[in-house]
Amino acid sequence: MSTQINNSIDNSNGYHNRNQSFFRYKVTSVAAKAVKNNKKVKSVVIGANVKSISNNAFYKCPALKTVKIKTTKLTKKTASKKAFKAVNKKMVIKVPKKVKKTYAKIFKGLKVK
């Protein structure tokens, strides 16, 4: 199972109707316990608009092996390795090249590529 935290979401549910308004929302954070105890999720893609990842967001996700982070907006104040407590020890975090050094410090102790 794969999970993608997109750049935006809408309330259209795939349906379009001229008489009804639909709104688009930018996803800017991953909440605490967002995917807690999910034993099926194997990979996650975090979109470019995300500015924060809360502690324990992916707590106890033993099958999680790959996290691709597209955003370059994370800082030590808005993310930490605590977001990935009790996950698969072989999990790899893939990040944009220009922030690899910074993200390696933020997620110290985890495999950042």
PDB file of N, CA and C in Angstrom:
ATOM      1  N   MET A   1       0.844  -1.173   0.000  1.00  0.00           N
ATOM      2  CA  MET A   1       0.000   0.000   0.000  1.00  0.00           C
ATOM      3  C   MET A   1       0.891   1.239   0.000  1.00  0.00           C
ATOM      4  N   SER A   2       0.526   2.208  -0.788  1.00  0.00           N
ATOM      5  CA  SER A   2       1.288   3.444  -0.899  1.00  0.00           C
ATOM      6  C   SER A   2       0.393   4.623  -0.550  1.00  0.00           C
ATOM      7  N   THR A   3       0.952   5.600   0.129  1.00  0.00           N
ATOM      8  CA  THR A   3       0.198   6.788   0.517  1.00  0.00           C
ATOM      9  C   THR A   3       0.868   8.008  -0.057  1.00  0.00           C
ATOM     10  N   GLN A   4       0.078   8.925  -0.582  1.00  0.00           N
ATOM     11  CA  GLN A   4       0.634  10.162  -1.118  1.00  0.00           C
ATOM     12  C   GLN A   4      -0.042  11.343  -0.449  1.00  0.00           C
ATOM     13  N   ILE A   5       0.791  12.215   0.112  1.00  0.00           N
ATOM     14  CA  ILE A   5       0.286  13.443   0.711  1.00  0.00           C
ATOM     15  C   ILE A   5       0.507  14.516  -0.342  1.00  0.00           C
ATOM     16  N   ASN A   6      -0.521  14.758  -1.127  1.00  0.00           N
ATOM     17  CA  ASN A   6      -0.429  15.615  -2.306  1.00  0.00           C
ATOM     18  C   ASN A   6      -0.207  17.076  -1.971  1.00  0.00           C
ATOM     19  N   ASN A   7       0.033  17.847  -3.027  1.00  0.00           N
ATOM     20  CA  ASN A   7       0.185  19.291  -2.877  1.00  0.00           C
ATOM     21  C   ASN A   7      -1.125  19.957  -2.507  1.00  0.00           C
ATOM     22  N   SER A   8      -2.244  19.406  -2.977  1.00  0.00           N
ATOM     23  CA  SER A   8      -3.535  20.004  -2.657  1.00  0.00           C
ATOM     24  C   SER A   8      -4.620  18.942  -2.675  1.00  0.00           C
ATOM     25  N   ILE A   9      -5.726  19.254  -2.022  1.00  0.00           N
ATOM     26  CA  ILE A   9      -6.895  18.385  -2.038  1.00  0.00           C
ATOM     27  C   ILE A   9      -8.097  19.242  -2.382  1.00  0.00           C
ATOM     28  N   ASP A  10      -9.158  18.607  -2.843  1.00  0.00           N
ATOM     29  CA  ASP A  10     -10.377  19.370  -3.103  1.00  0.00           C
ATOM     30  C   ASP A  10     -11.559  18.610  -2.532  1.00  0.00           C
ATOM     31  N   ASN A  11     -12.689  19.260  -2.505  1.00  0.00           N
ATOM     32  CA  ASN A  11     -13.885  18.632  -1.949  1.00  0.00           C
ATOM     33  C   ASN A  11     -14.842  18.172  -3.038  1.00  0.00           C
ATOM     34  N   SER A  12     -14.330  17.950  -4.238  1.00  0.00           N
ATOM     35  CA  SER A  12     -15.203  17.604  -5.358  1.00  0.00           C
ATOM     36  C   SER A  12     -15.562  16.131  -5.416  1.00  0.00           C
ATOM     37  N   ASN A  13     -14.793  15.273  -4.775  1.00  0.00           N
ATOM     38  CA  ASN A  13     -15.010  13.828  -4.827  1.00  0.00           C
ATOM     39  C   ASN A  13     -15.077  13.304  -6.253  1.00  0.00           C
ATOM     40  N   GLY A  14     -14.424  13.989  -7.163  1.00  0.00           N
ATOM     41  CA  GLY A  14     -14.388  13.547  -8.546  1.00  0.00           C
ATOM     42  C   GLY A  14     -15.575  13.980  -9.378  1.00  0.00           C
ATOM     43  N   TYR A  15     -16.554  14.621  -8.774  1.00  0.00           N
ATOM     44  CA  TYR A  15     -17.741  15.047  -9.490  1.00  0.00           C
ATOM     45  C   TYR A  15     -17.680  16.545  -9.761  1.00  0.00           C
ATOM     46  N   HIS A  16     -18.157  16.937 -10.906  1.00  0.00           N
ATOM     47  CA  HIS A  16     -18.162  18.354 -11.253  1.00  0.00           C
ATOM     48  C   HIS A  16     -19.585  18.761 -11.629  1.00  0.00           C
ATOM     49  N   ASN A  17     -20.051  19.827 -11.024  1.00  0.00           N
ATOM     50  CA  ASN A  17     -21.408  20.274 -11.221  1.00  0.00           C
ATOM     51  C   ASN A  17     -21.388  21.795 -11.333  1.00  0.00           C
ATOM     52  N   ARG A  18     -21.983  22.331 -12.366  1.00  0.00           N
ATOM     53  CA  ARG A  18     -21.979  23.786 -12.578  1.00  0.00           C
ATOM     54  C   ARG A  18     -22.621  24.557 -11.438  1.00  0.00           C
ATOM     55  N   ASN A  19     -23.579  23.954 -10.761  1.00  0.00           N
ATOM     56  CA  ASN A  19     -24.325  24.647  -9.717  1.00  0.00           C
ATOM     57  C   ASN A  19     -23.649  24.606  -8.350  1.00  0.00           C
ATOM     58  N   GLN A  20     -22.570  23.909  -8.250  1.00  0.00           N
ATOM     59  CA  GLN A  20     -21.935  23.731  -6.952  1.00  0.00           C
ATOM     60  C   GLN A  20     -20.492  24.226  -7.001  1.00  0.00           C
ATOM     61  N   SER A  21     -20.070  24.880  -5.943  1.00  0.00           N
ATOM     62  CA  SER A  21     -18.696  25.372  -5.854  1.00  0.00           C
ATOM     63  C   SER A  21     -17.808  24.315  -5.214  1.00  0.00           C
ATOM     64  N   PHE A  22     -16.606  24.192  -5.740  1.00  0.00           N
ATOM     65  CA  PHE A  22     -15.625  23.284  -5.169  1.00  0.00           C
ATOM     66  C   PHE A  22     -14.407  24.081  -4.774  1.00  0.00           C
ATOM     67  N   PHE A  23     -13.798  23.690  -3.696  1.00  0.00           N
ATOM     68  CA  PHE A  23     -12.643  24.407  -3.181  1.00  0.00           C
ATOM     69  C   PHE A  23     -11.419  23.510  -3.216  1.00  0.00           C
ATOM     70  N   ARG A  24     -10.286  24.116  -3.430  1.00  0.00           N
ATOM     71  CA  ARG A  24      -9.014  23.418  -3.416  1.00  0.00           C
ATOM     72  C   ARG A  24      -8.219  23.913  -2.217  1.00  0.00           C
ATOM     73  N   TYR A  25      -7.638  22.995  -1.472  1.00  0.00           N
ATOM     74  CA  TYR A  25      -6.869  23.338  -0.283  1.00  0.00           C
ATOM     75  C   TYR A  25      -5.446  22.821  -0.440  1.00  0.00           C
ATOM     76  N   LYS A  26      -4.478  23.641  -0.077  1.00  0.00           N
ATOM     77  CA  LYS A  26      -3.091  23.198  -0.096  1.00  0.00           C
ATOM     78  C   LYS A  26      -2.815  22.399   1.175  1.00  0.00           C
ATOM     79  N   VAL A  27      -2.169  21.266   1.008  1.00  0.00           N
ATOM     80  CA  VAL A  27      -1.753  20.471   2.156  1.00  0.00           C
ATOM     81  C   VAL A  27      -0.425  21.045   2.627  1.00  0.00           C
ATOM     82  N   THR A  28      -0.403  21.579   3.855  1.00  0.00           N
ATOM     83  CA  THR A  28       0.798  22.241   4.356  1.00  0.00           C
ATOM     84  C   THR A  28       1.417  21.540   5.555  1.00  0.00           C
ATOM     85  N   SER A  29       0.741  20.523   6.098  1.00  0.00           N
ATOM     86  CA  SER A  29       1.329  19.818   7.236  1.00  0.00           C
ATOM     87  C   SER A  29       0.825  18.381   7.307  1.00  0.00           C
ATOM     88  N   VAL A  30       1.612  17.564   8.000  1.00  0.00           N
ATOM     89  CA  VAL A  30       1.225  16.188   8.285  1.00  0.00           C
ATOM     90  C   VAL A  30       1.014  16.138   9.793  1.00  0.00           C
ATOM     91  N   ALA A  31      -0.187  15.824  10.204  1.00  0.00           N
ATOM     92  CA  ALA A  31      -0.566  15.864  11.621  1.00  0.00           C
ATOM     93  C   ALA A  31       0.055  14.725  12.422  1.00  0.00           C
ATOM     94  N   ALA A  32       0.130  14.920  13.725  1.00  0.00           N
ATOM     95  CA  ALA A  32       0.579  13.868  14.634  1.00  0.00           C
ATOM     96  C   ALA A  32      -0.348  12.666  14.484  1.00  0.00           C
ATOM     97  N   LYS A  33       0.226  11.498  14.457  1.00  0.00           N
ATOM     98  CA  LYS A  33      -0.514  10.230  14.363  1.00  0.00           C
ATOM     99  C   LYS A  33      -1.323  10.107  13.071  1.00  0.00           C
ATOM    100  N   ALA A  34      -0.920  10.801  12.015  1.00  0.00           N
ATOM    101  CA  ALA A  34      -1.647  10.779  10.739  1.00  0.00           C
ATOM    102  C   ALA A  34      -1.759   9.371  10.159  1.00  0.00           C
ATOM    103  N   VAL A  35      -0.723   8.583  10.301  1.00  0.00           N
ATOM    104  CA  VAL A  35      -0.718   7.228   9.741  1.00  0.00           C
ATOM    105  C   VAL A  35      -0.375   6.224  10.848  1.00  0.00           C
ATOM    106  N   LYS A  36      -0.645   6.575  12.075  1.00  0.00           N
ATOM    107  CA  LYS A  36      -0.288   5.761  13.245  1.00  0.00           C
ATOM    108  C   LYS A  36      -0.810   4.330  13.139  1.00  0.00           C
ATOM    109  N   ASN A  37       0.052   3.385  13.483  1.00  0.00           N
ATOM    110  CA  ASN A  37      -0.278   1.952  13.542  1.00  0.00           C
ATOM    111  C   ASN A  37      -0.741   1.352  12.223  1.00  0.00           C
ATOM    112  N   ASN A  38      -0.434   1.983  11.114  1.00  0.00           N
ATOM    113  CA  ASN A  38      -0.817   1.427   9.818  1.00  0.00           C
ATOM    114  C   ASN A  38       0.216   0.377   9.430  1.00  0.00           C
ATOM    115  N   LYS A  39      -0.193  -0.865   9.407  1.00  0.00           N
ATOM    116  CA  LYS A  39       0.718  -1.968   9.138  1.00  0.00           C
ATOM    117  C   LYS A  39       0.831  -2.299   7.650  1.00  0.00           C
ATOM    118  N   LYS A  40       0.060  -1.608   6.806  1.00  0.00           N
ATOM    119  CA  LYS A  40       0.058  -1.895   5.373  1.00  0.00           C
ATOM    120  C   LYS A  40       0.825  -0.882   4.540  1.00  0.00           C
ATOM    121  N   VAL A  41       0.943   0.351   4.990  1.00  0.00           N
ATOM    122  CA  VAL A  41       1.579   1.389   4.177  1.00  0.00           C
ATOM    123  C   VAL A  41       3.074   1.078   4.026  1.00  0.00           C
ATOM    124  N   LYS A  42       3.522   1.038   2.758  1.00  0.00           N
ATOM    125  CA  LYS A  42       4.915   0.706   2.454  1.00  0.00           C
ATOM    126  C   LYS A  42       5.715   1.919   2.007  1.00  0.00           C
ATOM    127  N   SER A  43       5.033   2.882   1.389  1.00  0.00           N
ATOM    128  CA  SER A  43       5.738   4.079   0.928  1.00  0.00           C
ATOM    129  C   SER A  43       4.835   5.299   1.057  1.00  0.00           C
ATOM    130  N   VAL A  44       5.490   6.455   1.230  1.00  0.00           N
ATOM    131  CA  VAL A  44       4.772   7.716   1.395  1.00  0.00           C
ATOM    132  C   VAL A  44       5.465   8.768   0.547  1.00  0.00           C
ATOM    133  N   VAL A  45       4.674   9.608  -0.130  1.00  0.00           N
ATOM    134  CA  VAL A  45       5.205  10.759  -0.854  1.00  0.00           C
ATOM    135  C   VAL A  45       4.629  12.001  -0.183  1.00  0.00           C
ATOM    136  N   ILE A  46       5.520  12.875   0.264  1.00  0.00           N
ATOM    137  CA  ILE A  46       5.108  14.117   0.916  1.00  0.00           C
ATOM    138  C   ILE A  46       5.305  15.248  -0.085  1.00  0.00           C
ATOM    139  N   GLY A  47       4.234  15.955  -0.424  1.00  0.00           N
ATOM    140  CA  GLY A  47       4.220  16.968  -1.478  1.00  0.00           C
ATOM    141  C   GLY A  47       5.044  18.209  -1.196  1.00  0.00           C
ATOM    142  N   ALA A  48       5.198  19.028  -2.221  1.00  0.00           N
ATOM    143  CA  ALA A  48       6.055  20.213  -2.192  1.00  0.00           C
ATOM    144  C   ALA A  48       5.517  21.355  -1.334  1.00  0.00           C
ATOM    145  N   ASN A  49       4.235  21.364  -1.012  1.00  0.00           N
ATOM    146  CA  ASN A  49       3.667  22.450  -0.202  1.00  0.00           C
ATOM    147  C   ASN A  49       3.754  22.205   1.302  1.00  0.00           C
ATOM    148  N   VAL A  50       4.150  21.015   1.704  1.00  0.00           N
ATOM    149  CA  VAL A  50       4.188  20.671   3.125  1.00  0.00           C
ATOM    150  C   VAL A  50       5.296  21.449   3.830  1.00  0.00           C
ATOM    151  N   LYS A  51       4.918  22.121   4.931  1.00  0.00           N
ATOM    152  CA  LYS A  51       5.862  22.944   5.697  1.00  0.00           C
ATOM    153  C   LYS A  51       6.199  22.333   7.049  1.00  0.00           C
ATOM    154  N   SER A  52       5.409  21.341   7.497  1.00  0.00           N
ATOM    155  CA  SER A  52       5.704  20.714   8.787  1.00  0.00           C
ATOM    156  C   SER A  52       5.225  19.266   8.827  1.00  0.00           C
ATOM    157  N   ILE A  53       5.963  18.478   9.595  1.00  0.00           N
ATOM    158  CA  ILE A  53       5.604  17.084   9.854  1.00  0.00           C
ATOM    159  C   ILE A  53       5.644  16.922  11.368  1.00  0.00           C
ATOM    160  N   SER A  54       4.505  16.631  11.961  1.00  0.00           N
ATOM    161  CA  SER A  54       4.405  16.539  13.423  1.00  0.00           C
ATOM    162  C   SER A  54       5.037  15.258  13.957  1.00  0.00           C
ATOM    163  N   ASN A  55       5.423  15.302  15.232  1.00  0.00           N
ATOM    164  CA  ASN A  55       5.957  14.115  15.892  1.00  0.00           C
ATOM    165  C   ASN A  55       4.929  12.991  15.832  1.00  0.00           C
ATOM    166  N   ASN A  56       5.417  11.784  15.692  1.00  0.00           N
ATOM    167  CA  ASN A  56       4.592  10.571  15.660  1.00  0.00           C
ATOM    168  C   ASN A  56       3.646  10.495  14.467  1.00  0.00           C
ATOM    169  N   ALA A  57       3.880  11.258  13.424  1.00  0.00           N
ATOM    170  CA  ALA A  57       3.013  11.225  12.241  1.00  0.00           C
ATOM    171  C   ALA A  57       2.964   9.827  11.624  1.00  0.00           C
ATOM    172  N   PHE A  58       4.080   9.117  11.657  1.00  0.00           N
ATOM    173  CA  PHE A  58       4.158   7.775  11.071  1.00  0.00           C
ATOM    174  C   PHE A  58       4.508   6.738  12.139  1.00  0.00           C
ATOM    175  N   TYR A  59       4.056   6.958  13.354  1.00  0.00           N
ATOM    176  CA  TYR A  59       4.360   6.101  14.502  1.00  0.00           C
ATOM    177  C   TYR A  59       3.877   4.674  14.278  1.00  0.00           C
ATOM    178  N   LYS A  60       4.747   3.732  14.552  1.00  0.00           N
ATOM    179  CA  LYS A  60       4.465   2.295  14.451  1.00  0.00           C
ATOM    180  C   LYS A  60       3.916   1.886  13.086  1.00  0.00           C
ATOM    181  N   CYS A  61       4.649   2.226  12.050  1.00  0.00           N
ATOM    182  CA  CYS A  61       4.327   1.774  10.693  1.00  0.00           C
ATOM    183  C   CYS A  61       5.444   0.820  10.270  1.00  0.00           C
ATOM    184  N   PRO A  62       5.369  -0.449  10.683  1.00  0.00           N
ATOM    185  CA  PRO A  62       6.476  -1.382  10.481  1.00  0.00           C
ATOM    186  C   PRO A  62       6.782  -1.716   9.021  1.00  0.00           C
ATOM    187  N   ALA A  63       5.823  -1.565   8.127  1.00  0.00           N
ATOM    188  CA  ALA A  63       6.049  -1.882   6.714  1.00  0.00           C
ATOM    189  C   ALA A  63       6.604  -0.697   5.928  1.00  0.00           C
ATOM    190  N   LEU A  64       6.637   0.480   6.528  1.00  0.00           N
ATOM    191  CA  LEU A  64       7.080   1.691   5.832  1.00  0.00           C
ATOM    192  C   LEU A  64       8.563   1.593   5.497  1.00  0.00           C
ATOM    193  N   LYS A  65       8.867   1.575   4.188  1.00  0.00           N
ATOM    194  CA  LYS A  65      10.255   1.416   3.749  1.00  0.00           C
ATOM    195  C   LYS A  65      10.784   2.614   2.982  1.00  0.00           C
ATOM    196  N   THR A  66       9.894   3.403   2.375  1.00  0.00           N
ATOM    197  CA  THR A  66      10.334   4.537   1.570  1.00  0.00           C
ATOM    198  C   THR A  66       9.463   5.755   1.848  1.00  0.00           C
ATOM    199  N   VAL A  67      10.131   6.880   2.117  1.00  0.00           N
ATOM    200  CA  VAL A  67       9.444   8.159   2.270  1.00  0.00           C
ATOM    201  C   VAL A  67      10.113   9.118   1.298  1.00  0.00           C
ATOM    202  N   LYS A  68       9.345   9.634   0.347  1.00  0.00           N
ATOM    203  CA  LYS A  68       9.883  10.605  -0.600  1.00  0.00           C
ATOM    204  C   LYS A  68       9.345  11.975  -0.200  1.00  0.00           C
ATOM    205  N   ILE A  69      10.263  12.874   0.137  1.00  0.00           N
ATOM    206  CA  ILE A  69       9.879  14.222   0.547  1.00  0.00           C
ATOM    207  C   ILE A  69      10.199  15.174  -0.596  1.00  0.00           C
ATOM    208  N   LYS A  70       9.167  15.781  -1.179  1.00  0.00           N
ATOM    209  CA  LYS A  70       9.353  16.706  -2.299  1.00  0.00           C
ATOM    210  C   LYS A  70       9.549  18.145  -1.842  1.00  0.00           C
ATOM    211  N   THR A  71       9.133  18.456  -0.633  1.00  0.00           N
ATOM    212  CA  THR A  71       9.220  19.823  -0.138  1.00  0.00           C
ATOM    213  C   THR A  71      10.648  20.202   0.251  1.00  0.00           C
ATOM    214  N   THR A  72      10.944  21.485   0.129  1.00  0.00           N
ATOM    215  CA  THR A  72      12.231  22.017   0.584  1.00  0.00           C
ATOM    216  C   THR A  72      12.000  22.999   1.735  1.00  0.00           C
ATOM    217  N   LYS A  73      10.801  22.968   2.311  1.00  0.00           N
ATOM    218  CA  LYS A  73      10.380  23.968   3.297  1.00  0.00           C
ATOM    219  C   LYS A  73      10.478  23.512   4.752  1.00  0.00           C
ATOM    220  N   LEU A  74      11.006  22.326   5.007  1.00  0.00           N
ATOM    221  CA  LEU A  74      11.090  21.837   6.378  1.00  0.00           C
ATOM    222  C   LEU A  74      12.304  22.423   7.093  1.00  0.00           C
ATOM    223  N   THR A  75      12.158  22.656   8.398  1.00  0.00           N
ATOM    224  CA  THR A  75      13.253  23.149   9.236  1.00  0.00           C
ATOM    225  C   THR A  75      13.314  22.298  10.503  1.00  0.00           C
ATOM    226  N   LYS A  76      14.318  22.531  11.323  1.00  0.00           N
ATOM    227  CA  LYS A  76      14.421  21.797  12.589  1.00  0.00           C
ATOM    228  C   LYS A  76      13.235  22.076  13.505  1.00  0.00           C
ATOM    229  N   LYS A  77      12.628  23.235  13.354  1.00  0.00           N
ATOM    230  CA  LYS A  77      11.470  23.592  14.183  1.00  0.00           C
ATOM    231  C   LYS A  77      10.175  22.961  13.675  1.00  0.00           C
ATOM    232  N   THR A  78      10.131  22.602  12.400  1.00  0.00           N
ATOM    233  CA  THR A  78       8.879  22.106  11.817  1.00  0.00           C
ATOM    234  C   THR A  78       8.884  20.608  11.525  1.00  0.00           C
ATOM    235  N   ALA A  79      10.012  19.930  11.758  1.00  0.00           N
ATOM    236  CA  ALA A  79      10.087  18.488  11.519  1.00  0.00           C
ATOM    237  C   ALA A  79      11.209  17.891  12.364  1.00  0.00           C
ATOM    238  N   SER A  80      11.095  16.598  12.666  1.00  0.00           N
ATOM    239  CA  SER A  80      12.166  15.904  13.382  1.00  0.00           C
ATOM    240  C   SER A  80      12.050  14.409  13.134  1.00  0.00           C
ATOM    241  N   LYS A  81      13.083  13.690  13.549  1.00  0.00           N
ATOM    242  CA  LYS A  81      13.054  12.244  13.360  1.00  0.00           C
ATOM    243  C   LYS A  81      11.976  11.590  14.219  1.00  0.00           C
ATOM    244  N   LYS A  82      11.436  12.323  15.196  1.00  0.00           N
ATOM    245  CA  LYS A  82      10.367  11.792  16.041  1.00  0.00           C
ATOM    246  C   LYS A  82       9.098  11.514  15.239  1.00  0.00           C
ATOM    247  N   ALA A  83       8.997  12.070  14.052  1.00  0.00           N
ATOM    248  CA  ALA A  83       7.854  11.795  13.179  1.00  0.00           C
ATOM    249  C   ALA A  83       7.860  10.338  12.728  1.00  0.00           C
ATOM    250  N   PHE A  84       9.038   9.714  12.763  1.00  0.00           N
ATOM    251  CA  PHE A  84       9.199   8.350  12.263  1.00  0.00           C
ATOM    252  C   PHE A  84       9.587   7.374  13.368  1.00  0.00           C
ATOM    253  N   LYS A  85       8.970   7.493  14.539  1.00  0.00           N
ATOM    254  CA  LYS A  85       9.241   6.579  15.653  1.00  0.00           C
ATOM    255  C   LYS A  85       8.679   5.195  15.350  1.00  0.00           C
ATOM    256  N   ALA A  86       9.447   4.183  15.716  1.00  0.00           N
ATOM    257  CA  ALA A  86       9.010   2.782  15.638  1.00  0.00           C
ATOM    258  C   ALA A  86       8.601   2.359  14.229  1.00  0.00           C
ATOM    259  N   VAL A  87       9.377   2.792  13.235  1.00  0.00           N
ATOM    260  CA  VAL A  87       9.141   2.354  11.857  1.00  0.00           C
ATOM    261  C   VAL A  87      10.188   1.305  11.481  1.00  0.00           C
ATOM    262  N   ASN A  88      10.091   0.782  10.279  1.00  0.00           N
ATOM    263  CA  ASN A  88      11.036  -0.202   9.765  1.00  0.00           C
ATOM    264  C   ASN A  88      12.459   0.354   9.831  1.00  0.00           C
ATOM    265  N   LYS A  89      13.388  -0.412  10.368  1.00  0.00           N
ATOM    266  CA  LYS A  89      14.775   0.048  10.510  1.00  0.00           C
ATOM    267  C   LYS A  89      15.461   0.274   9.166  1.00  0.00           C
ATOM    268  N   LYS A  90      14.945  -0.328   8.115  1.00  0.00           N
ATOM    269  CA  LYS A  90      15.527  -0.170   6.778  1.00  0.00           C
ATOM    270  C   LYS A  90      14.896   0.982   5.997  1.00  0.00           C
ATOM    271  N   MET A  91      14.014   1.738   6.625  1.00  0.00           N
ATOM    272  CA  MET A  91      13.330   2.835   5.939  1.00  0.00           C
ATOM    273  C   MET A  91      14.327   3.861   5.402  1.00  0.00           C
ATOM    274  N   VAL A  92      14.058   4.342   4.185  1.00  0.00           N
ATOM    275  CA  VAL A  92      14.899   5.341   3.533  1.00  0.00           C
ATOM    276  C   VAL A  92      14.052   6.578   3.258  1.00  0.00           C
ATOM    277  N   ILE A  93      14.626   7.755   3.537  1.00  0.00           N
ATOM    278  CA  ILE A  93      13.961   9.020   3.240  1.00  0.00           C
ATOM    279  C   ILE A  93      14.666   9.638   2.044  1.00  0.00           C
ATOM    280  N   LYS A  94      13.936   9.792   0.939  1.00  0.00           N
ATOM    281  CA  LYS A  94      14.493  10.401  -0.272  1.00  0.00           C
ATOM    282  C   LYS A  94      14.104  11.872  -0.295  1.00  0.00           C
ATOM    283  N   VAL A  95      15.110  12.743  -0.497  1.00  0.00           N
ATOM    284  CA  VAL A  95      14.885  14.189  -0.423  1.00  0.00           C
ATOM    285  C   VAL A  95      15.496  14.893  -1.632  1.00  0.00           C
ATOM    286  N   PRO A  96      15.074  16.137  -1.918  1.00  0.00           N
ATOM    287  CA  PRO A  96      15.697  16.906  -3.001  1.00  0.00           C
ATOM    288  C   PRO A  96      17.178  17.157  -2.695  1.00  0.00           C
ATOM    289  N   LYS A  97      18.012  17.118  -3.733  1.00  0.00           N
ATOM    290  CA  LYS A  97      19.461  17.273  -3.561  1.00  0.00           C
ATOM    291  C   LYS A  97      19.851  18.550  -2.842  1.00  0.00           C
ATOM    292  N   LYS A  98      19.169  19.655  -3.149  1.00  0.00           N
ATOM    293  CA  LYS A  98      19.581  20.940  -2.580  1.00  0.00           C
ATOM    294  C   LYS A  98      19.350  21.054  -1.069  1.00  0.00           C
ATOM    295  N   VAL A  99      18.567  20.153  -0.484  1.00  0.00           N
ATOM    296  CA  VAL A  99      18.332  20.197   0.960  1.00  0.00           C
ATOM    297  C   VAL A  99      18.795  18.927   1.671  1.00  0.00           C
ATOM    298  N   LYS A 100      19.524  18.091   0.980  1.00  0.00           N
ATOM    299  CA  LYS A 100      19.952  16.809   1.557  1.00  0.00           C
ATOM    300  C   LYS A 100      20.746  17.002   2.850  1.00  0.00           C
ATOM    301  N   LYS A 101      21.682  17.928   2.853  1.00  0.00           N
ATOM    302  CA  LYS A 101      22.521  18.164   4.029  1.00  0.00           C
ATOM    303  C   LYS A 101      21.675  18.642   5.219  1.00  0.00           C
ATOM    304  N   THR A 102      20.776  19.566   4.963  1.00  0.00           N
ATOM    305  CA  THR A 102      19.893  20.093   6.008  1.00  0.00           C
ATOM    306  C   THR A 102      18.976  19.002   6.546  1.00  0.00           C
ATOM    307  N   TYR A 103      18.362  18.246   5.645  1.00  0.00           N
ATOM    308  CA  TYR A 103      17.432  17.201   6.065  1.00  0.00           C
ATOM    309  C   TYR A 103      18.150  16.057   6.772  1.00  0.00           C
ATOM    310  N   ALA A 104      19.403  15.789   6.420  1.00  0.00           N
ATOM    311  CA  ALA A 104      20.182  14.765   7.114  1.00  0.00           C
ATOM    312  C   ALA A 104      20.359  15.153   8.584  1.00  0.00           C
ATOM    313  N   LYS A 105      20.487  16.453   8.856  1.00  0.00           N
ATOM    314  CA  LYS A 105      20.597  16.934  10.237  1.00  0.00           C
ATOM    315  C   LYS A 105      19.251  16.842  10.952  1.00  0.00           C
ATOM    316  N   ILE A 106      18.187  17.210  10.245  1.00  0.00           N
ATOM    317  CA  ILE A 106      16.844  17.162  10.834  1.00  0.00           C
ATOM    318  C   ILE A 106      16.469  15.725  11.198  1.00  0.00           C
ATOM    319  N   PHE A 107      16.729  14.798  10.286  1.00  0.00           N
ATOM    320  CA  PHE A 107      16.354  13.398  10.479  1.00  0.00           C
ATOM    321  C   PHE A 107      17.569  12.560  10.878  1.00  0.00           C
ATOM    322  N   LYS A 108      18.415  13.105  11.728  1.00  0.00           N
ATOM    323  CA  LYS A 108      19.649  12.455  12.166  1.00  0.00           C
ATOM    324  C   LYS A 108      19.350  11.061  12.715  1.00  0.00           C
ATOM    325  N   GLY A 109      20.129  10.089  12.267  1.00  0.00           N
ATOM    326  CA  GLY A 109      19.935   8.713  12.701  1.00  0.00           C
ATOM    327  C   GLY A 109      19.087   7.897  11.740  1.00  0.00           C
ATOM    328  N   LEU A 110      18.445   8.563  10.787  1.00  0.00           N
ATOM    329  CA  LEU A 110      17.656   7.879   9.761  1.00  0.00           C
ATOM    330  C   LEU A 110      18.415   7.931   8.441  1.00  0.00           C
ATOM    331  N   LYS A 111      18.103   7.028   7.533  1.00  0.00           N
ATOM    332  CA  LYS A 111      18.782   6.988   6.232  1.00  0.00           C
ATOM    333  C   LYS A 111      18.176   8.028   5.299  1.00  0.00           C
ATOM    334  N   VAL A 112      18.946   9.083   5.018  1.00  0.00           N
ATOM    335  CA  VAL A 112      18.490  10.157   4.130  1.00  0.00           C
ATOM    336  C   VAL A 112      19.306  10.089   2.855  1.00  0.00           C
ATOM    337  N   LYS A 113      18.614   9.970   1.713  1.00  0.00           N
ATOM    338  CA  LYS A 113      19.295   9.896   0.408  1.00  0.00           C
ATOM    339  C   LYS A 113      18.820  11.016  -0.480  1.00  0.00           C
TER     340      LYS A 113
END
